[in-house]
Amino acid sequence: MRNLLLETAGVLAFFISIAHGVLGETKIFARAQIEPPPARRLMRLVWHCSAVAWGSLAILLFFAPRFEGARDSIVAVSVVTYGFGAIANAWATRGRHIGWMALAVVVGLAVAGR
């Protein structure tokens, strides 16, 4: 059961990272007026860097049950990373964004699967 919880946390986190990248591109950067153009490009790359990092960590979380020696470390790093994301998102949006709730579920699943 613990393994299933970690795998579920990994799958959910992976979909969150994809949604973060796609929605950022289609909803935020499609409307954002960022000047000069190099600053716009930098903001886009930083945005997608977080999506890639979250996706990479999600893959580790999914495979954590197969790496018993690294399981606790993967869970700890995931809890810190997704936990910070959840808190920052909730604070920045005053709780009116679904992202913090989804990240909090990932944290809960990861802790339960530890």
C-alpha atoms as a PDB file:
ATOM      1  CA  MET A   1       0.000   0.000   0.000  1.00  0.00           C
ATOM      2  CA  ARG A   2       2.850   2.391   0.818  1.00  0.00           C
ATOM      3  CA  ASN A   3       4.326   1.850  -2.627  1.00  0.00           C
ATOM      4  CA  LEU A   4       1.003   2.600  -4.281  1.00  0.00           C
ATOM      5  CA  LEU A   5       0.746   5.873  -2.341  1.00  0.00           C
ATOM      6  CA  LEU A   6       4.189   6.969  -3.530  1.00  0.00           C
ATOM      7  CA  GLU A   7       3.449   5.968  -7.111  1.00  0.00           C
ATOM      8  CA  THR A   8       0.153   7.872  -6.999  1.00  0.00           C
ATOM      9  CA  ALA A   9       1.936  10.938  -5.606  1.00  0.00           C
ATOM     10  CA  GLY A  10       4.432  10.704  -8.461  1.00  0.00           C
ATOM     11  CA  VAL A  11       1.765  10.424 -11.154  1.00  0.00           C
ATOM     12  CA  LEU A  12      -0.236  13.327  -9.712  1.00  0.00           C
ATOM     13  CA  ALA A  13       2.898  15.461  -9.380  1.00  0.00           C
ATOM     14  CA  PHE A  14       3.842  14.690 -12.983  1.00  0.00           C
ATOM     15  CA  PHE A  15       0.440  15.822 -14.254  1.00  0.00           C
ATOM     16  CA  ILE A  16       0.698  18.952 -12.117  1.00  0.00           C
ATOM     17  CA  SER A  17       4.058  19.762 -13.712  1.00  0.00           C
ATOM     18  CA  ILE A  18       2.602  19.341 -17.204  1.00  0.00           C
ATOM     19  CA  ALA A  19      -0.400  21.497 -16.319  1.00  0.00           C
ATOM     20  CA  HIS A  20       1.926  24.135 -14.853  1.00  0.00           C
ATOM     21  CA  GLY A  21       3.870  24.363 -18.101  1.00  0.00           C
ATOM     22  CA  VAL A  22       0.873  24.271 -20.438  1.00  0.00           C
ATOM     23  CA  LEU A  23      -1.292  26.688 -18.463  1.00  0.00           C
ATOM     24  CA  GLY A  24       1.605  29.069 -17.964  1.00  0.00           C
ATOM     25  CA  GLU A  25       2.204  29.147 -21.689  1.00  0.00           C
ATOM     26  CA  THR A  26      -1.451  29.434 -22.735  1.00  0.00           C
ATOM     27  CA  LYS A  27      -2.905  31.576 -19.935  1.00  0.00           C
ATOM     28  CA  ILE A  28      -0.085  33.674 -18.529  1.00  0.00           C
ATOM     29  CA  PHE A  29       2.505  34.256 -21.225  1.00  0.00           C
ATOM     30  CA  ALA A  30      -0.111  34.578 -23.949  1.00  0.00           C
ATOM     31  CA  ARG A  31      -1.329  37.768 -22.211  1.00  0.00           C
ATOM     32  CA  ALA A  32       1.746  39.013 -20.368  1.00  0.00           C
ATOM     33  CA  GLN A  33       3.414  42.188 -21.558  1.00  0.00           C
ATOM     34  CA  ILE A  34       7.035  41.712 -20.542  1.00  0.00           C
ATOM     35  CA  GLU A  35       9.629  44.063 -21.971  1.00  0.00           C
ATOM     36  CA  PRO A  36      12.318  43.866 -23.220  1.00  0.00           C
ATOM     37  CA  PRO A  37      11.973  40.646 -25.227  1.00  0.00           C
ATOM     38  CA  PRO A  38      15.041  39.017 -23.617  1.00  0.00           C
ATOM     39  CA  ALA A  39      13.374  39.443 -20.206  1.00  0.00           C
ATOM     40  CA  ARG A  40      10.225  37.778 -21.556  1.00  0.00           C
ATOM     41  CA  ARG A  41      12.282  34.861 -22.847  1.00  0.00           C
ATOM     42  CA  LEU A  42      14.070  34.556 -19.493  1.00  0.00           C
ATOM     43  CA  MET A  43      10.762  34.560 -17.566  1.00  0.00           C
ATOM     44  CA  ARG A  44       9.416  31.831 -19.845  1.00  0.00           C
ATOM     45  CA  LEU A  45      12.500  29.687 -19.375  1.00  0.00           C
ATOM     46  CA  VAL A  46      12.441  30.102 -15.599  1.00  0.00           C
ATOM     47  CA  TRP A  47       8.738  29.181 -15.578  1.00  0.00           C
ATOM     48  CA  HIS A  48       9.371  26.026 -17.583  1.00  0.00           C
ATOM     49  CA  CYS A  49      12.463  25.197 -15.549  1.00  0.00           C
ATOM     50  CA  SER A  50      10.202  24.791 -12.523  1.00  0.00           C
ATOM     51  CA  ALA A  51       7.855  22.567 -14.529  1.00  0.00           C
ATOM     52  CA  VAL A  52      10.780  20.375 -15.624  1.00  0.00           C
ATOM     53  CA  ALA A  53      12.141  20.210 -12.058  1.00  0.00           C
ATOM     54  CA  TRP A  54       8.720  19.244 -10.667  1.00  0.00           C
ATOM     55  CA  GLY A  55       8.321  16.631 -13.393  1.00  0.00           C
ATOM     56  CA  SER A  56      11.765  15.182 -12.715  1.00  0.00           C
ATOM     57  CA  LEU A  57      11.067  14.971  -8.999  1.00  0.00           C
ATOM     58  CA  ALA A  58       7.704  13.367  -9.786  1.00  0.00           C
ATOM     59  CA  ILE A  59       9.477  10.618 -11.721  1.00  0.00           C
ATOM     60  CA  LEU A  60      11.792  10.001  -8.761  1.00  0.00           C
ATOM     61  CA  LEU A  61       8.793   9.890  -6.460  1.00  0.00           C
ATOM     62  CA  PHE A  62       7.084   7.349  -8.704  1.00  0.00           C
ATOM     63  CA  PHE A  63      10.161   5.107  -8.728  1.00  0.00           C
ATOM     64  CA  ALA A  64      11.055   5.631  -5.047  1.00  0.00           C
ATOM     65  CA  PRO A  65       9.635   2.224  -4.025  1.00  0.00           C
ATOM     66  CA  ARG A  66      12.220   0.564  -6.276  1.00  0.00           C
ATOM     67  CA  PHE A  67      15.087   2.499  -4.643  1.00  0.00           C
ATOM     68  CA  GLU A  68      14.626   1.417  -1.038  1.00  0.00           C
ATOM     69  CA  GLY A  69      17.919   2.962   0.053  1.00  0.00           C
ATOM     70  CA  ALA A  70      16.974   6.364  -1.345  1.00  0.00           C
ATOM     71  CA  ARG A  71      13.250   6.206  -0.577  1.00  0.00           C
ATOM     72  CA  ASP A  72      13.332   8.413   2.521  1.00  0.00           C
ATOM     73  CA  SER A  73      15.571  10.992   0.851  1.00  0.00           C
ATOM     74  CA  ILE A  74      13.351  11.184  -2.238  1.00  0.00           C
ATOM     75  CA  VAL A  75      10.267  11.595  -0.064  1.00  0.00           C
ATOM     76  CA  ALA A  76      11.956  14.255   2.086  1.00  0.00           C
ATOM     77  CA  VAL A  77      13.069  16.321  -0.913  1.00  0.00           C
ATOM     78  CA  SER A  78       9.620  15.926  -2.491  1.00  0.00           C
ATOM     79  CA  VAL A  79       7.838  17.034   0.682  1.00  0.00           C
ATOM     80  CA  VAL A  80      10.038  20.133   0.974  1.00  0.00           C
ATOM     81  CA  THR A  81       9.717  21.028  -2.717  1.00  0.00           C
ATOM     82  CA  TYR A  82       6.005  20.423  -3.199  1.00  0.00           C
ATOM     83  CA  GLY A  83       5.238  21.678   0.310  1.00  0.00           C
ATOM     84  CA  PHE A  84       6.965  24.981  -0.400  1.00  0.00           C
ATOM     85  CA  GLY A  85       5.092  25.201  -3.693  1.00  0.00           C
ATOM     86  CA  ALA A  86       1.777  24.572  -1.939  1.00  0.00           C
ATOM     87  CA  ILE A  87       2.435  27.166   0.769  1.00  0.00           C
ATOM     88  CA  ALA A  88       3.706  29.781  -1.685  1.00  0.00           C
ATOM     89  CA  ASN A  89       0.768  29.221  -4.026  1.00  0.00           C
ATOM     90  CA  ALA A  90      -1.784  29.411  -1.212  1.00  0.00           C
ATOM     91  CA  TRP A  91      -0.197  32.577   0.156  1.00  0.00           C
ATOM     92  CA  ALA A  92       0.201  34.305  -3.226  1.00  0.00           C
ATOM     93  CA  THR A  93      -3.352  33.532  -4.372  1.00  0.00           C
ATOM     94  CA  ARG A  94      -4.931  33.820  -0.901  1.00  0.00           C
ATOM     95  CA  GLY A  95      -6.093  30.236  -1.280  1.00  0.00           C
ATOM     96  CA  ARG A  96      -8.112  30.863  -4.448  1.00  0.00           C
ATOM     97  CA  HIS A  97      -6.099  28.621  -6.737  1.00  0.00           C
ATOM     98  CA  ILE A  98      -6.396  24.859  -7.052  1.00  0.00           C
ATOM     99  CA  GLY A  99      -2.638  24.430  -7.393  1.00  0.00           C
ATOM    100  CA  TRP A 100      -1.872  24.589  -3.689  1.00  0.00           C
ATOM    101  CA  MET A 101      -4.504  21.953  -2.955  1.00  0.00           C
ATOM    102  CA  ALA A 102      -3.121  19.594  -5.602  1.00  0.00           C
ATOM    103  CA  LEU A 103       0.424  20.057  -4.294  1.00  0.00           C
ATOM    104  CA  ALA A 104      -0.774  19.481  -0.734  1.00  0.00           C
ATOM    105  CA  VAL A 105      -2.319  16.173  -1.847  1.00  0.00           C
ATOM    106  CA  VAL A 106       1.039  15.158  -3.340  1.00  0.00           C
ATOM    107  CA  VAL A 107       2.733  15.996  -0.026  1.00  0.00           C
ATOM    108  CA  GLY A 108       0.130  14.009   1.924  1.00  0.00           C
ATOM    109  CA  LEU A 109       0.458  10.981  -0.335  1.00  0.00           C
ATOM    110  CA  ALA A 110       4.245  11.114  -0.169  1.00  0.00           C
ATOM    111  CA  VAL A 111       4.269  11.320   3.632  1.00  0.00           C
ATOM    112  CA  ALA A 112       1.713   8.495   3.897  1.00  0.00           C
ATOM    113  CA  GLY A 113       3.790   6.360   1.517  1.00  0.00           C
ATOM    114  CA  ARG A 114       7.023   6.926   3.338  1.00  0.00           C
END
